[in-house]
C-alpha atoms as a PDB file:
ATOM      1  CA  MET A   1      -2.864   1.321-116.424  1.00  0.00           C
ATOM      2  CA  THR A   2      -3.596  -1.843-118.278  1.00  0.00           C
ATOM      3  CA  VAL A   3      -1.225  -4.771-118.624  1.00  0.00           C
ATOM      4  CA  ALA A   4      -0.898  -4.128-122.367  1.00  0.00           C
ATOM      5  CA  SER A   5       0.175  -0.524-121.741  1.00  0.00           C
ATOM      6  CA  ARG A   6       2.770  -1.613-119.190  1.00  0.00           C
ATOM      7  CA  LEU A   7       4.199  -4.155-121.628  1.00  0.00           C
ATOM      8  CA  MET A   8       4.458  -1.505-124.374  1.00  0.00           C
ATOM      9  CA  ILE A   9       6.331   0.889-122.050  1.00  0.00           C
ATOM     10  CA  LEU A  10       8.697  -1.899-120.891  1.00  0.00           C
ATOM     11  CA  GLY A  11       9.454  -2.914-124.488  1.00  0.00           C
ATOM     12  CA  ALA A  12      10.260   0.677-125.468  1.00  0.00           C
ATOM     13  CA  ALA A  13      12.638   1.021-122.501  1.00  0.00           C
ATOM     14  CA  ILE A  14      14.487  -2.173-123.402  1.00  0.00           C
ATOM     15  CA  ALA A  15      14.869  -1.085-127.067  1.00  0.00           C
ATOM     16  CA  LEU A  16      16.178   2.324-125.985  1.00  0.00           C
ATOM     17  CA  SER A  17      18.778   0.727-123.688  1.00  0.00           C
ATOM     18  CA  LEU A  18      20.081  -1.411-126.579  1.00  0.00           C
ATOM     19  CA  VAL A  19      20.744   1.490-128.970  1.00  0.00           C
ATOM     20  CA  THR A  20      21.947   4.083-126.439  1.00  0.00           C
ATOM     21  CA  PRO A  21      25.636   3.744-125.447  1.00  0.00           C
ATOM     22  CA  ARG A  22      26.419   3.779-121.760  1.00  0.00           C
ATOM     23  CA  ALA A  23      28.159   6.756-120.214  1.00  0.00           C
ATOM     24  CA  GLY A  24      31.906   6.582-120.871  1.00  0.00           C
ATOM     25  CA  SER A  25      31.567   3.870-123.509  1.00  0.00           C
ATOM     26  CA  ALA A  26      32.483   4.346-127.179  1.00  0.00           C
ATOM     27  CA  ASP A  27      29.958   4.453-129.979  1.00  0.00           C
ATOM     28  CA  PRO A  28      29.833   0.899-131.450  1.00  0.00           C
ATOM     29  CA  ARG A  29      29.942   2.312-134.983  1.00  0.00           C
ATOM     30  CA  ARG A  30      33.193   4.164-134.199  1.00  0.00           C
ATOM     31  CA  HIS A  31      34.681   0.966-132.808  1.00  0.00           C
ATOM     32  CA  VAL A  32      33.950  -0.915-136.044  1.00  0.00           C
ATOM     33  CA  ALA A  33      35.428   1.882-138.178  1.00  0.00           C
ATOM     34  CA  SER A  34      38.611   2.108-136.125  1.00  0.00           C
ATOM     35  CA  ALA A  35      39.050  -1.650-136.280  1.00  0.00           C
ATOM     36  CA  ALA A  36      38.741  -1.582-140.073  1.00  0.00           C
ATOM     37  CA  ARG A  37      41.401   1.091-140.569  1.00  0.00           C
ATOM     38  CA  PRO A  38      44.452  -0.982-139.579  1.00  0.00           C
ATOM     39  CA  ALA A  39      43.302  -3.812-141.863  1.00  0.00           C
ATOM     40  CA  ALA A  40      43.054  -1.420-144.809  1.00  0.00           C
ATOM     41  CA  ALA A  41      46.457   0.094-144.036  1.00  0.00           C
ATOM     42  CA  LEU A  42      48.002  -3.362-143.768  1.00  0.00           C
ATOM     43  CA  ARG A  43      46.493  -4.381-147.092  1.00  0.00           C
ATOM     44  CA  PHE A  44      47.959  -1.274-148.743  1.00  0.00           C
ATOM     45  CA  GLY A  45      51.373  -2.078-147.302  1.00  0.00           C
ATOM     46  CA  LYS A  46      53.756  -0.012-145.241  1.00  0.00           C
ATOM     47  CA  SER A  47      57.299   0.504-146.494  1.00  0.00           C
ATOM     48  CA  VAL A  48      59.694   0.920-143.581  1.00  0.00           C
ATOM     49  CA  GLY A  49      63.290   2.071-144.010  1.00  0.00           C
ATOM     50  CA  SER A  50      65.002   2.267-147.393  1.00  0.00           C
ATOM     51  CA  PRO A  51      65.184  -0.094-150.387  1.00  0.00           C
ATOM     52  CA  THR A  52      68.623  -1.256-149.235  1.00  0.00           C
ATOM     53  CA  GLU A  53      67.832  -1.545-145.528  1.00  0.00           C
ATOM     54  CA  GLY A  54      64.173  -1.919-144.741  1.00  0.00           C
ATOM     55  CA  LYS A  55      61.121  -4.090-144.353  1.00  0.00           C
ATOM     56  CA  LEU A  56      57.577  -4.377-145.647  1.00  0.00           C
ATOM     57  CA  MET A  57      54.542  -4.559-143.406  1.00  0.00           C
ATOM     58  CA  GLY A  58      51.502  -6.048-145.065  1.00  0.00           C
ATOM     59  CA  GLY A  59      51.651  -5.239-148.734  1.00  0.00           C
ATOM     60  CA  SER A  60      50.054  -6.573-151.888  1.00  0.00           C
ATOM     61  CA  HIS A  61      50.797  -9.835-153.658  1.00  0.00           C
ATOM     62  CA  LEU A  62      51.437  -9.792-157.406  1.00  0.00           C
ATOM     63  CA  GLU A  63      49.096 -12.369-158.918  1.00  0.00           C
ATOM     64  CA  GLU A  64      49.707 -14.146-162.209  1.00  0.00           C
ATOM     65  CA  ALA A  65      47.237 -13.697-165.074  1.00  0.00           C
ATOM     66  CA  PRO A  66      47.049 -14.550-168.793  1.00  0.00           C
ATOM     67  CA  TYR A  67      48.971 -11.338-169.517  1.00  0.00           C
ATOM     68  CA  LEU A  68      51.451 -11.593-166.618  1.00  0.00           C
ATOM     69  CA  ARG A  69      53.641 -14.371-165.219  1.00  0.00           C
ATOM     70  CA  VAL A  70      56.516 -14.837-162.808  1.00  0.00           C
ATOM     71  CA  LEU A  71      59.683 -16.116-164.465  1.00  0.00           C
ATOM     72  CA  PRO A  72      60.223 -19.827-163.680  1.00  0.00           C
ATOM     73  CA  SER A  73      63.776 -18.953-162.629  1.00  0.00           C
ATOM     74  CA  HIS A  74      62.375 -16.559-159.992  1.00  0.00           C
ATOM     75  CA  ALA A  75      59.259 -18.420-158.858  1.00  0.00           C
ATOM     76  CA  SER A  76      60.641 -20.031-155.696  1.00  0.00           C
ATOM     77  CA  GLY A  77      60.370 -18.188-152.405  1.00  0.00           C
ATOM     78  CA  ASP A  78      57.295 -16.149-153.367  1.00  0.00           C
ATOM     79  CA  VAL A  79      59.336 -12.960-153.730  1.00  0.00           C
ATOM     80  CA  ARG A  80      56.494 -10.965-155.259  1.00  0.00           C
ATOM     81  CA  TRP A  81      55.195  -8.669-152.553  1.00  0.00           C
ATOM     82  CA  GLY A  82      55.198  -4.882-152.610  1.00  0.00           C
ATOM     83  CA  VAL A  83      53.352  -1.725-151.709  1.00  0.00           C
ATOM     84  CA  GLU A  84      50.046  -1.560-153.516  1.00  0.00           C
ATOM     85  CA  PRO A  85      50.980   1.302-155.919  1.00  0.00           C
ATOM     86  CA  LEU A  86      53.901  -0.747-157.290  1.00  0.00           C
ATOM     87  CA  VAL A  87      51.972  -4.010-157.636  1.00  0.00           C
ATOM     88  CA  GLN A  88      48.983  -2.355-159.274  1.00  0.00           C
ATOM     89  CA  ALA A  89      51.191  -0.332-161.656  1.00  0.00           C
ATOM     90  CA  ILE A  90      52.893  -3.529-162.865  1.00  0.00           C
ATOM     91  CA  ASP A  91      49.522  -5.166-163.443  1.00  0.00           C
ATOM     92  CA  ARG A  92      48.193  -2.135-165.328  1.00  0.00           C
ATOM     93  CA  ALA A  93      51.333  -1.924-167.480  1.00  0.00           C
ATOM     94  CA  ALA A  94      51.105  -5.610-168.426  1.00  0.00           C
ATOM     95  CA  ARG A  95      47.433  -5.112-169.299  1.00  0.00           C
ATOM     96  CA  SER A  96      48.259  -2.140-171.514  1.00  0.00           C
ATOM     97  CA  VAL A  97      50.799  -4.178-173.489  1.00  0.00           C
ATOM     98  CA  ARG A  98      48.348  -7.063-173.847  1.00  0.00           C
ATOM     99  CA  ALA A  99      45.661  -4.673-175.137  1.00  0.00           C
ATOM    100  CA  LYS A 100      47.995  -3.497-177.901  1.00  0.00           C
ATOM    101  CA  TYR A 101      49.742  -6.818-178.559  1.00  0.00           C
ATOM    102  CA  PRO A 102      47.315  -9.709-177.823  1.00  0.00           C
ATOM    103  CA  ASP A 103      50.041 -12.379-177.767  1.00  0.00           C
ATOM    104  CA  SER A 104      52.175 -10.578-175.163  1.00  0.00           C
ATOM    105  CA  VAL A 105      52.904 -11.847-171.656  1.00  0.00           C
ATOM    106  CA  ALA A 106      54.910  -9.794-169.148  1.00  0.00           C
ATOM    107  CA  SER A 107      57.619 -11.786-167.330  1.00  0.00           C
ATOM    108  CA  ILE A 108      58.351 -10.638-163.794  1.00  0.00           C
ATOM    109  CA  GLY A 109      61.371 -11.314-161.609  1.00  0.00           C
ATOM    110  CA  HIS A 110      61.720 -10.437-157.936  1.00  0.00           C
ATOM    111  CA  LEU A 111      59.820  -7.820-155.947  1.00  0.00           C
ATOM    112  CA  SER A 112      60.152  -8.205-152.142  1.00  0.00           C
ATOM    113  CA  ARG A 113      59.466 -10.892-149.578  1.00  0.00           C
ATOM    114  CA  SER A 114      56.187 -10.743-147.669  1.00  0.00           C
ATOM    115  CA  GLY A 115      57.950  -9.087-144.744  1.00  0.00           C
ATOM    116  CA  GLY A 116      60.682  -7.398-146.730  1.00  0.00           C
ATOM    117  CA  GLY A 117      64.323  -7.665-145.723  1.00  0.00           C
ATOM    118  CA  GLU A 118      67.349  -9.099-147.489  1.00  0.00           C
ATOM    119  CA  ILE A 119      67.129 -11.230-150.635  1.00  0.00           C
ATOM    120  CA  ASP A 120      69.942 -13.269-152.113  1.00  0.00           C
ATOM    121  CA  ARG A 121      71.642 -11.665-155.149  1.00  0.00           C
ATOM    122  CA  HIS A 122      70.089  -8.277-154.408  1.00  0.00           C
ATOM    123  CA  ARG A 123      71.362  -5.134-152.743  1.00  0.00           C
ATOM    124  CA  SER A 124      67.895  -3.609-152.567  1.00  0.00           C
ATOM    125  CA  HIS A 125      64.298  -4.936-152.861  1.00  0.00           C
ATOM    126  CA  GLU A 126      63.961  -4.810-149.058  1.00  0.00           C
ATOM    127  CA  SER A 127      61.057  -2.418-148.480  1.00  0.00           C
ATOM    128  CA  GLY A 128      58.436  -3.312-151.098  1.00  0.00           C
ATOM    129  CA  ARG A 129      59.238  -0.540-153.573  1.00  0.00           C
ATOM    130  CA  ASP A 130      61.402  -2.397-156.132  1.00  0.00           C
ATOM    131  CA  ALA A 131      60.631  -4.849-158.928  1.00  0.00           C
ATOM    132  CA  ASP A 132      62.638  -6.552-161.673  1.00  0.00           C
ATOM    133  CA  ILE A 133      60.922  -6.820-165.052  1.00  0.00           C
ATOM    134  CA  ALA A 134      62.232  -8.991-167.894  1.00  0.00           C
ATOM    135  CA  PHE A 135      62.512  -7.384-171.306  1.00  0.00           C
ATOM    136  CA  TYR A 136      59.985  -8.497-173.879  1.00  0.00           C
ATOM    137  CA  ALA A 137      61.564 -10.655-176.600  1.00  0.00           C
ATOM    138  CA  ARG A 138      60.660 -11.458-180.216  1.00  0.00           C
ATOM    139  CA  ASN A 139      62.007 -13.461-183.120  1.00  0.00           C
ATOM    140  CA  ARG A 140      63.239 -11.945-186.377  1.00  0.00           C
ATOM    141  CA  ASN A 141      59.692 -11.900-187.770  1.00  0.00           C
ATOM    142  CA  GLY A 142      58.245 -10.088-184.771  1.00  0.00           C
ATOM    143  CA  LYS A 143      56.601 -13.076-183.092  1.00  0.00           C
ATOM    144  CA  THR A 144      56.552 -12.906-179.296  1.00  0.00           C
ATOM    145  CA  LEU A 145      59.004 -15.167-177.474  1.00  0.00           C
ATOM    146  CA  ILE A 146      58.450 -16.076-173.813  1.00  0.00           C
ATOM    147  CA  PRO A 147      61.669 -16.396-171.760  1.00  0.00           C
ATOM    148  CA  ASP A 148      62.220 -18.823-168.904  1.00  0.00           C
ATOM    149  CA  ALA A 149      64.847 -16.600-167.291  1.00  0.00           C
ATOM    150  CA  LEU A 150      66.296 -13.110-167.593  1.00  0.00           C
ATOM    151  CA  THR A 151      67.782 -12.632-171.065  1.00  0.00           C
ATOM    152  CA  GLN A 152      70.806 -10.465-171.809  1.00  0.00           C
ATOM    153  CA  PHE A 153      70.636  -8.264-174.916  1.00  0.00           C
ATOM    154  CA  ARG A 154      73.581  -6.750-176.801  1.00  0.00           C
ATOM    155  CA  GLU A 155      73.846  -3.293-178.367  1.00  0.00           C
ATOM    156  CA  ASP A 156      72.566  -4.576-181.724  1.00  0.00           C
ATOM    157  CA  GLY A 157      69.380  -5.842-180.023  1.00  0.00           C
ATOM    158  CA  ALA A 158      70.208  -9.539-180.364  1.00  0.00           C
ATOM    159  CA  ALA A 159      70.124 -11.815-177.334  1.00  0.00           C
ATOM    160  CA  ALA A 160      73.579 -12.756-176.114  1.00  0.00           C
ATOM    161  CA  HIS A 161      72.758 -16.383-175.255  1.00  0.00           C
ATOM    162  CA  TRP A 162      69.412 -17.113-176.918  1.00  0.00           C
ATOM    163  CA  LYS A 163      69.771 -17.769-180.624  1.00  0.00           C
ATOM    164  CA  GLY A 164      67.099 -16.119-182.732  1.00  0.00           C
ATOM    165  CA  ALA A 165      65.799 -13.865-179.949  1.00  0.00           C
ATOM    166  CA  PHE A 166      65.802 -10.073-180.186  1.00  0.00           C
ATOM    167  CA  PHE A 167      64.994  -7.145-177.910  1.00  0.00           C
ATOM    168  CA  ASP A 168      61.347  -6.149-178.427  1.00  0.00           C
ATOM    169  CA  GLU A 169      61.382  -2.354-178.319  1.00  0.00           C
ATOM    170  CA  ALA A 170      57.672  -2.006-179.100  1.00  0.00           C
ATOM    171  CA  LYS A 171      56.331  -4.048-176.194  1.00  0.00           C
ATOM    172  CA  THR A 172      58.999  -2.968-173.710  1.00  0.00           C
ATOM    173  CA  TRP A 173      58.412   0.706-174.512  1.00  0.00           C
ATOM    174  CA  THR A 174      54.636   0.271-174.124  1.00  0.00           C
ATOM    175  CA  PHE A 175      55.195  -1.222-170.656  1.00  0.00           C
ATOM    176  CA  ILE A 176      57.577   1.562-169.613  1.00  0.00           C
ATOM    177  CA  GLN A 177      55.315   4.276-171.020  1.00  0.00           C
ATOM    178  CA  SER A 178      52.479   2.914-168.884  1.00  0.00           C
ATOM    179  CA  LEU A 179      54.695   2.954-165.784  1.00  0.00           C
ATOM    180  CA  VAL A 180      55.934   6.523-166.206  1.00  0.00           C
ATOM    181  CA  SER A 181      52.397   7.725-166.993  1.00  0.00           C
ATOM    182  CA  ASP A 182      50.696   5.789-164.199  1.00  0.00           C
ATOM    183  CA  PRO A 183      48.364   8.116-162.262  1.00  0.00           C
ATOM    184  CA  GLN A 184      48.831   6.353-158.904  1.00  0.00           C
ATOM    185  CA  ALA A 185      52.372   4.972-158.748  1.00  0.00           C
ATOM    186  CA  ARG A 186      55.078   7.614-158.491  1.00  0.00           C
ATOM    187  CA  VAL A 187      57.957   5.936-160.320  1.00  0.00           C
ATOM    188  CA  THR A 188      61.287   7.476-159.296  1.00  0.00           C
ATOM    189  CA  HIS A 189      63.842   5.253-161.046  1.00  0.00           C
ATOM    190  CA  ILE A 190      64.067   2.790-163.899  1.00  0.00           C
ATOM    191  CA  PHE A 191      67.474   1.107-163.891  1.00  0.00           C
ATOM    192  CA  ILE A 192      68.473  -0.069-167.364  1.00  0.00           C
ATOM    193  CA  ALA A 193      71.635  -0.465-169.440  1.00  0.00           C
ATOM    194  CA  SER A 194      72.561   2.637-171.433  1.00  0.00           C
ATOM    195  CA  HIS A 195      72.453   0.947-174.852  1.00  0.00           C
ATOM    196  CA  LEU A 196      68.929  -0.387-174.233  1.00  0.00           C
ATOM    197  CA  ARG A 197      67.772   2.979-172.897  1.00  0.00           C
ATOM    198  CA  ARG A 198      68.976   4.470-176.168  1.00  0.00           C
ATOM    199  CA  ARG A 199      67.116   1.888-178.247  1.00  0.00           C
ATOM    200  CA  LEU A 200      63.857   2.550-176.393  1.00  0.00           C
ATOM    201  CA  LEU A 201      64.058   6.324-176.751  1.00  0.00           C
ATOM    202  CA  GLU A 202      64.900   5.996-180.439  1.00  0.00           C
ATOM    203  CA  TYR A 203      61.890   3.741-180.921  1.00  0.00           C
ATOM    204  CA  ALA A 204      59.619   6.119-178.990  1.00  0.00           C
ATOM    205  CA  GLU A 205      60.712   9.114-181.049  1.00  0.00           C
ATOM    206  CA  LYS A 206      60.447   7.286-184.357  1.00  0.00           C
ATOM    207  CA  ASN A 207      56.935   6.054-183.568  1.00  0.00           C
ATOM    208  CA  GLY A 208      55.566   9.363-182.312  1.00  0.00           C
ATOM    209  CA  ALA A 209      55.249   8.589-178.616  1.00  0.00           C
ATOM    210  CA  PRO A 210      53.899  11.530-176.582  1.00  0.00           C
ATOM    211  CA  ALA A 211      56.602  14.047-175.712  1.00  0.00           C
ATOM    212  CA  GLY A 212      55.617  13.987-172.036  1.00  0.00           C
ATOM    213  CA  ALA A 213      56.153  10.239-171.773  1.00  0.00           C
ATOM    214  CA  ARG A 214      59.493  10.482-173.592  1.00  0.00           C
ATOM    215  CA  ILE A 215      60.709  13.292-171.341  1.00  0.00           C
ATOM    216  CA  ARG A 216      59.739  11.472-168.179  1.00  0.00           C
ATOM    217  CA  ALA A 217      61.172   8.148-169.364  1.00  0.00           C
ATOM    218  CA  ALA A 218      64.442   9.828-170.361  1.00  0.00           C
ATOM    219  CA  SER A 219      64.721  11.391-166.912  1.00  0.00           C
ATOM    220  CA  LEU A 220      63.979   8.158-165.031  1.00  0.00           C
ATOM    221  CA  MET A 221      65.914   5.567-167.046  1.00  0.00           C
ATOM    222  CA  MET A 222      69.552   5.167-166.045  1.00  0.00           C
ATOM    223  CA  GLN A 223      72.280   2.640-165.363  1.00  0.00           C
ATOM    224  CA  PRO A 224      72.874   2.670-161.581  1.00  0.00           C
ATOM    225  CA  THR A 225      76.308   2.894-160.072  1.00  0.00           C
ATOM    226  CA  GLY A 226      77.816   0.031-158.133  1.00  0.00           C
ATOM    227  CA  SER A 227      76.075  -2.786-160.007  1.00  0.00           C
ATOM    228  CA  LEU A 228      76.335  -4.801-163.210  1.00  0.00           C
ATOM    229  CA  PRO A 229      74.768  -3.366-166.385  1.00  0.00           C
ATOM    230  CA  HIS A 230      71.022  -3.910-166.429  1.00  0.00           C
ATOM    231  CA  ASP A 231      71.042  -5.540-169.855  1.00  0.00           C
ATOM    232  CA  ASP A 232      68.898  -8.575-168.975  1.00  0.00           C
ATOM    233  CA  HIS A 233      66.065  -6.773-167.153  1.00  0.00           C
ATOM    234  CA  PHE A 234      64.980  -3.354-165.985  1.00  0.00           C
ATOM    235  CA  HIS A 235      64.435  -2.463-162.363  1.00  0.00           C
ATOM    236  CA  VAL A 236      61.616  -0.123-161.390  1.00  0.00           C
ATOM    237  CA  ARG A 237      61.420   1.724-158.069  1.00  0.00           C
ATOM    238  CA  VAL A 238      58.494   3.760-156.767  1.00  0.00           C
ATOM    239  CA  ALA A 239      58.421   6.562-154.227  1.00  0.00           C
ATOM    240  CA  CYS A 240      57.400   6.171-150.613  1.00  0.00           C
ATOM    241  CA  PRO A 241      53.594   6.027-150.408  1.00  0.00           C
ATOM    242  CA  MET A 242      52.117   9.341-149.335  1.00  0.00           C
ATOM    243  CA  GLY A 243      51.977   9.928-145.594  1.00  0.00           C
ATOM    244  CA  GLN A 244      54.064   6.930-144.567  1.00  0.00           C
ATOM    245  CA  LYS A 245      56.420   7.938-141.786  1.00  0.00           C
ATOM    246  CA  GLY A 246      59.510   5.808-141.442  1.00  0.00           C
ATOM    247  CA  CYS A 247      59.846   5.270-145.183  1.00  0.00           C
ATOM    248  CA  ILE A 248      63.215   6.530-146.460  1.00  0.00           C
ATOM    249  CA  GLU A 249      63.085   7.808-150.026  1.00  0.00           C
ATOM    250  CA  ARG A 250      66.728   7.548-151.021  1.00  0.00           C
ATOM    251  CA  PRO A 251      69.186   4.961-149.694  1.00  0.00           C
ATOM    252  CA  ALA A 252      72.306   6.344-148.038  1.00  0.00           C
ATOM    253  CA  ALA A 253      75.387   6.057-150.234  1.00  0.00           C
ATOM    254  CA  PRO A 254      77.755   3.321-149.004  1.00  0.00           C
ATOM    255  CA  LYS A 255      80.828   4.634-147.232  1.00  0.00           C
ATOM    256  CA  ARG A 256      84.104   4.175-149.057  1.00  0.00           C
ATOM    257  CA  ALA A 257      87.223   3.044-147.281  1.00  0.00           C
ATOM    258  CA  LYS A 258      89.983   5.634-147.296  1.00  0.00           C
ATOM    259  CA  HIS A 259      93.131   4.641-149.191  1.00  0.00           C
ATOM    260  CA  LYS A 260      96.595   5.958-148.530  1.00  0.00           C
ATOM    261  CA  LYS A 261      98.301   7.733-151.379  1.00  0.00           C
ATOM    262  CA  ARG A 262     100.851   5.570-153.146  1.00  0.00           C
ATOM    263  CA  PRO A 263     104.009   6.847-154.885  1.00  0.00           C
ATOM    264  CA  GLY A 264     103.678   7.056-158.626  1.00  0.00           C
ATOM    265  CA  ARG A 265      99.888   7.169-158.630  1.00  0.00           C
ATOM    266  CA  ARG A 266      98.438   9.161-161.514  1.00  0.00           C
ATOM    267  CA  ARG A 267      96.984  12.500-160.635  1.00  0.00           C
ATOM    268  CA  GLY A 268      93.678  13.737-161.931  1.00  0.00           C
ATOM    269  CA  THR A 269      89.938  13.400-161.368  1.00  0.00           C
ATOM    270  CA  PRO A 270      87.803  10.456-162.531  1.00  0.00           C
ATOM    271  CA  ALA A 271      86.171  12.828-165.019  1.00  0.00           C
ATOM    272  CA  HIS A 272      89.606  13.670-166.429  1.00  0.00           C
ATOM    273  CA  PHE A 273      90.451  10.010-167.088  1.00  0.00           C
ATOM    274  CA  GLU A 274      86.948   9.348-168.455  1.00  0.00           C
ATOM    275  CA  ALA A 275      87.391  12.199-170.932  1.00  0.00           C
ATOM    276  CA  LYS A 276      90.773  10.805-172.018  1.00  0.00           C
ATOM    277  CA  ARG A 277      89.265   7.345-172.477  1.00  0.00           C
ATOM    278  CA  HIS A 278      86.473   8.726-174.641  1.00  0.00           C
ATOM    279  CA  LYS A 279      89.001  10.495-176.872  1.00  0.00           C
ATOM    280  CA  SER A 280      90.751   7.242-177.667  1.00  0.00           C
ATOM    281  CA  HIS A 281      87.617   5.048-177.597  1.00  0.00           C
ATOM    282  CA  PRO A 282      84.587   7.258-178.288  1.00  0.00           C
ATOM    283  CA  PRO A 283      81.198   5.743-177.379  1.00  0.00           C
ATOM    284  CA  PRO A 284      78.759   4.968-180.196  1.00  0.00           C
ATOM    285  CA  LYS A 285      76.764   7.993-181.279  1.00  0.00           C
ATOM    286  CA  SER A 286      73.083   7.998-180.514  1.00  0.00           C
ATOM    287  CA  THR A 287      70.568   9.064-183.121  1.00  0.00           C
ATOM    288  CA  VAL A 288      67.911   9.750-180.524  1.00  0.00           C
ATOM    289  CA  LYS A 289      66.724  13.316-180.286  1.00  0.00           C
ATOM    290  CA  GLU A 290      65.993  14.265-176.695  1.00  0.00           C
ATOM    291  CA  PRO A 291      62.554  15.900-176.364  1.00  0.00           C
ATOM    292  CA  ASP A 292      62.493  19.686-176.373  1.00  0.00           C
ATOM    293  CA  GLU A 293      62.061  20.799-172.748  1.00  0.00           C
ATOM    294  CA  ASP A 294      60.904  24.314-173.619  1.00  0.00           C
ATOM    295  CA  SER A 295      57.983  23.080-175.711  1.00  0.00           C
ATOM    296  CA  THR A 296      56.697  20.799-172.955  1.00  0.00           C
ATOM    297  CA  LYS A 297      57.825  22.550-169.790  1.00  0.00           C
ATOM    298  CA  GLN A 298      54.590  21.849-167.991  1.00  0.00           C
ATOM    299  CA  ILE A 299      55.274  18.132-168.361  1.00  0.00           C
ATOM    300  CA  VAL A 300      58.872  18.397-167.158  1.00  0.00           C
ATOM    301  CA  ASP A 301      57.589  20.009-163.974  1.00  0.00           C
ATOM    302  CA  ASP A 302      55.846  16.720-163.197  1.00  0.00           C
ATOM    303  CA  VAL A 303      59.205  14.919-162.909  1.00  0.00           C
ATOM    304  CA  ASP A 304      60.402  14.142-159.374  1.00  0.00           C
ATOM    305  CA  ASP A 305      61.161  17.484-157.745  1.00  0.00           C
ATOM    306  CA  ASP A 306      64.071  16.184-155.681  1.00  0.00           C
ATOM    307  CA  ALA A 307      66.340  15.471-158.668  1.00  0.00           C
ATOM    308  CA  PRO A 308      65.931  13.696-162.007  1.00  0.00           C
ATOM    309  CA  ALA A 309      67.189  10.128-161.702  1.00  0.00           C
ATOM    310  CA  ALA A 310      69.301  10.502-164.842  1.00  0.00           C
ATOM    311  CA  VAL A 311      71.606  13.025-163.181  1.00  0.00           C
ATOM    312  CA  LEU A 312      72.067  11.278-159.834  1.00  0.00           C
ATOM    313  CA  THR A 313      75.688  10.332-159.233  1.00  0.00           C
ATOM    314  CA  LYS A 314      75.095   7.625-156.643  1.00  0.00           C
ATOM    315  CA  VAL A 315      72.068   5.380-156.834  1.00  0.00           C
ATOM    316  CA  GLU A 316      71.948   1.852-155.465  1.00  0.00           C
ATOM    317  CA  GLY A 317      70.409  -0.637-157.878  1.00  0.00           C
ATOM    318  CA  ASP A 318      69.973  -4.381-157.434  1.00  0.00           C
END
């Protein structure tokens, strides 16, 4: 055998030893794939616990853009982390408003901290599934106004403490319609004051919004119990990401301290006293016509199967 032949055989043996895994060792390609999986999962974000007692592992960061900004009053602390479905849904909703109204800019409040946990002035926002969104504002002529902080709006649509500013139903409804129709984020709650909920549904009906979007929005929008009226922002919450163990969908209701009965205390249920109060001080009548469920039953079936948010008796908000 010539020297050249021996060299060829030796080279082939060395090449074979480099590509063939040793006995008992893992395939290098499998090692690379398994190492990449945790990084992807971390980037997506893992919601642990509930919105009122939880944490966020990894998560996505909400980035500012020409169509989206963080309110100056909420910029400190970098409280704008969340699970990817929530962050991406907010970005898509802001884009959809900008596409329809080129001068619009969404103003965002708090989401969660990078690791989740407690946040001052909030009872939730701990597990990366909550976000506060400022209402869009306009002047009397319809021109977009950009707020520096959350703005409170009265029943007539005027801002309580910002002269010349009004609730912008058109842009706010477009944002909410995008959220409730988002194909990836499963929105479960939108906390909002009752009088602003009514204004949005009236606007949607008057302007021919799709019945499916109106039905879903009506079922998700509500004023939560145990918190101040959401009349200066709305609070969106998404469901636990699919397949995430350890994520608690609904926060446990806080336990109430038992009170001893006192002599002379009025008897009756809270509903009884609420009915009596409404007789003497009836609430303003709404002109909104709730969408017909029978005509769009296939769309109603898409609403959260556990229970529509609008009929929940105990839901923790901010």
